[in-house]
Amino acid sequence: MGAMEDEMEPFEDDQELDNDERELLQQDLVDVQTLKSLLSPRGIKGTVFYCPDCSEDHYLTWDLLTSNLAELLSQGESPIHEPAFEPDPDEYVGWDYARGYLDGYTSYESEELAELAGRIASDLGAAGWKTSDVKGFLARVGLDGAIRPDGGGAGT
């Protein structure tokens, strides 16, 4: 998972980000953009974090979170944070929830494609197609990642 899961601990001013931290933050940036595209249409404006420094929840819109992560990457520290102006808590989700949603979304898509590839491979095999022809067809339509070594799809 990403750097966000390290409880938003600030990096010390004299400490530069190492390559692992940079990589995690870059992945968090990608994840935030994906979450924005998935959750914004559902009325979710961003995520909420508990701030141990001020003992309050901070509501960050997707764009503000993106900006903070980008600044952390470029400057090595997050900007001073201000609480959101009268946020509606129902419009924000916790980071753990958002990550879980993203993980579920990506695995669901993979599982659906694997099941589809399996059904296609089974049907083509039952129709008399050779394994090599089935593999070739699935590769042409972009489902070759779901092919098992024995030539069938996942779920067959």
Protein backbone atom coordinates (compact mmCIF):
# COMPACT_ATOMS: atom_id res chain seq x y z
CA MET A 1 0.00 0.00 0.00
CA GLY A 2 1.03 3.62 -0.18
CA ALA A 3 2.81 6.17 1.93
CA MET A 4 -0.56 7.55 3.04
CA GLU A 5 -0.95 4.53 5.27
CA ASP A 6 1.99 5.56 7.41
CA GLU A 7 -0.56 7.58 9.42
CA MET A 8 0.36 10.76 7.57
CA GLU A 9 3.49 11.20 9.68
CA PRO A 10 5.34 14.32 8.61
CA PHE A 11 8.80 13.95 7.17
CA GLU A 12 11.44 15.92 9.01
CA ASP A 13 12.66 19.06 7.27
CA ASP A 14 16.26 17.91 7.03
CA GLN A 15 15.36 14.44 5.79
CA GLU A 16 14.99 13.84 2.08
CA LEU A 17 12.59 11.28 0.72
CA ASP A 18 14.25 8.02 -0.21
CA ASN A 19 13.44 6.18 -3.42
CA ASP A 20 10.95 3.84 -1.71
CA GLU A 21 9.06 6.76 -0.17
CA ARG A 22 9.00 8.57 -3.53
CA GLU A 23 7.67 5.48 -5.27
CA LEU A 24 4.92 5.04 -2.66
CA LEU A 25 3.93 8.71 -2.94
CA GLN A 26 3.84 8.50 -6.73
CA GLN A 27 1.56 5.45 -6.46
CA ASP A 28 -0.62 7.36 -3.99
CA LEU A 29 -0.94 10.15 -6.58
CA VAL A 30 -2.11 7.65 -9.19
CA ASP A 31 -4.48 6.07 -6.68
CA VAL A 32 -5.99 9.43 -5.71
CA GLN A 33 -6.73 10.24 -9.36
CA THR A 34 -8.31 6.81 -9.86
CA LEU A 35 -10.35 7.17 -6.68
CA LYS A 36 -11.49 10.61 -7.78
CA SER A 37 -12.75 9.20 -11.07
CA LEU A 38 -14.50 6.28 -9.32
CA LEU A 39 -15.93 7.97 -6.24
CA SER A 40 -16.71 11.54 -7.36
CA PRO A 41 -19.69 10.39 -9.47
CA ARG A 42 -21.00 8.74 -6.28
CA GLY A 43 -20.91 12.05 -4.39
CA ILE A 44 -17.64 11.42 -2.53
CA LYS A 45 -15.58 14.64 -2.54
CA GLY A 46 -12.44 13.28 -0.91
CA THR A 47 -11.04 11.58 2.14
CA VAL A 48 -10.84 12.26 5.84
CA PHE A 49 -7.73 11.88 8.02
CA TYR A 50 -7.38 12.18 11.74
CA CYS A 51 -4.69 14.71 12.60
CA PRO A 52 -2.88 13.86 15.84
CA ASP A 53 -1.30 17.34 15.93
CA CYS A 54 -4.61 19.14 16.38
CA SER A 55 -6.80 16.17 17.43
CA GLU A 56 -9.27 16.83 14.62
CA ASP A 57 -10.41 15.17 11.44
CA HIS A 58 -9.20 16.85 8.26
CA TYR A 59 -11.37 16.64 5.17
CA LEU A 60 -9.34 16.78 1.98
CA THR A 61 -10.90 16.99 -1.45
CA TRP A 62 -9.32 14.82 -4.13
CA ASP A 63 -7.67 17.89 -5.69
CA LEU A 64 -6.30 19.16 -2.37
CA LEU A 65 -4.97 15.70 -1.55
CA THR A 66 -3.32 15.54 -4.97
CA SER A 67 -1.77 18.96 -4.40
CA ASN A 68 -0.48 17.98 -0.95
CA LEU A 69 1.06 14.75 -2.26
CA ALA A 70 2.68 16.59 -5.17
CA GLU A 71 4.15 19.18 -2.80
CA LEU A 72 5.39 16.43 -0.50
CA LEU A 73 7.13 14.84 -3.49
CA SER A 74 8.69 18.08 -4.72
CA GLN A 75 9.46 19.82 -1.40
CA GLY A 76 9.83 16.87 0.96
CA GLU A 77 7.12 18.16 3.30
CA SER A 78 3.39 18.73 3.27
CA PRO A 79 2.01 22.25 3.32
CA ILE A 80 0.44 23.66 6.46
CA HIS A 81 -3.04 22.25 6.60
CA GLU A 82 -6.26 24.11 7.17
CA PRO A 83 -9.49 22.42 8.14
CA ALA A 84 -12.14 22.34 5.42
CA PHE A 85 -14.89 24.93 5.66
CA GLU A 86 -18.00 23.21 7.03
CA PRO A 87 -17.47 19.85 5.30
CA ASP A 88 -20.29 17.33 5.14
CA PRO A 89 -18.75 14.17 6.65
CA ASP A 90 -21.08 12.05 4.49
CA GLU A 91 -19.22 13.31 1.41
CA TYR A 92 -15.82 11.98 2.57
CA VAL A 93 -14.44 8.52 3.24
CA GLY A 94 -11.45 7.34 5.23
CA TRP A 95 -8.25 6.52 3.36
CA ASP A 96 -8.47 2.85 4.37
CA TYR A 97 -12.00 2.64 2.98
CA ALA A 98 -10.91 4.35 -0.26
CA ARG A 99 -7.95 1.96 -0.67
CA GLY A 100 -10.18 -1.02 0.01
CA TYR A 101 -12.67 0.23 -2.56
CA LEU A 102 -9.90 0.62 -5.12
CA ASP A 103 -8.49 -2.84 -4.37
CA GLY A 104 -11.94 -4.39 -4.67
CA TYR A 105 -12.62 -2.54 -7.90
CA THR A 106 -9.40 -3.67 -9.56
CA SER A 107 -9.68 -7.29 -8.40
CA TYR A 108 -13.34 -7.47 -9.44
CA GLU A 109 -12.40 -6.34 -12.95
CA SER A 110 -9.65 -8.97 -13.15
CA GLU A 111 -11.94 -11.70 -11.85
CA GLU A 112 -14.66 -10.77 -14.34
CA LEU A 113 -12.20 -10.89 -17.26
CA ALA A 114 -10.81 -14.22 -16.10
CA GLU A 115 -14.31 -15.67 -15.85
CA LEU A 116 -15.17 -14.35 -19.31
CA ALA A 117 -11.98 -15.81 -20.79
CA GLY A 118 -12.78 -19.15 -19.17
CA ARG A 119 -16.29 -19.26 -20.60
CA ILE A 120 -15.04 -18.31 -24.06
CA ALA A 121 -12.26 -20.91 -23.94
CA SER A 122 -14.71 -23.61 -22.82
CA ASP A 123 -17.26 -22.73 -25.50
CA LEU A 124 -14.65 -22.61 -28.25
CA GLY A 125 -13.14 -25.89 -27.08
CA ALA A 126 -16.60 -27.50 -27.07
CA ALA A 127 -17.09 -26.18 -30.61
CA GLY A 128 -14.01 -28.10 -31.70
CA TRP A 129 -11.37 -25.35 -31.66
CA LYS A 130 -7.80 -26.45 -31.03
CA THR A 131 -6.11 -25.13 -27.89
CA SER A 132 -3.62 -23.14 -29.98
CA ASP A 133 -6.50 -21.49 -31.88
CA VAL A 134 -8.29 -20.64 -28.63
CA LYS A 135 -5.07 -19.10 -27.24
CA GLY A 136 -4.57 -17.11 -30.43
CA PHE A 137 -8.13 -15.81 -30.39
CA LEU A 138 -7.98 -14.79 -26.72
CA ALA A 139 -4.67 -13.03 -27.36
CA ARG A 140 -6.17 -11.10 -30.29
CA VAL A 141 -9.06 -9.85 -28.17
CA GLY A 142 -6.82 -8.96 -25.21
CA LEU A 143 -7.82 -11.78 -22.87
CA ASP A 144 -4.56 -13.71 -23.07
CA GLY A 145 -3.61 -12.75 -19.52
CA ALA A 146 -6.42 -14.96 -18.26
CA ILE A 147 -5.22 -18.09 -20.08
CA ARG A 148 -3.90 -20.96 -17.95
CA PRO A 149 -0.82 -22.88 -19.08
CA ASP A 150 -3.08 -25.78 -20.09
CA GLY A 151 -4.82 -23.50 -22.61
CA GLY A 152 -8.01 -22.93 -20.69
CA GLY A 153 -9.21 -19.75 -19.11
CA ALA A 154 -9.48 -19.18 -15.42
CA GLY A 155 -12.63 -20.75 -14.10
CA THR A 156 -12.73 -23.58 -16.67
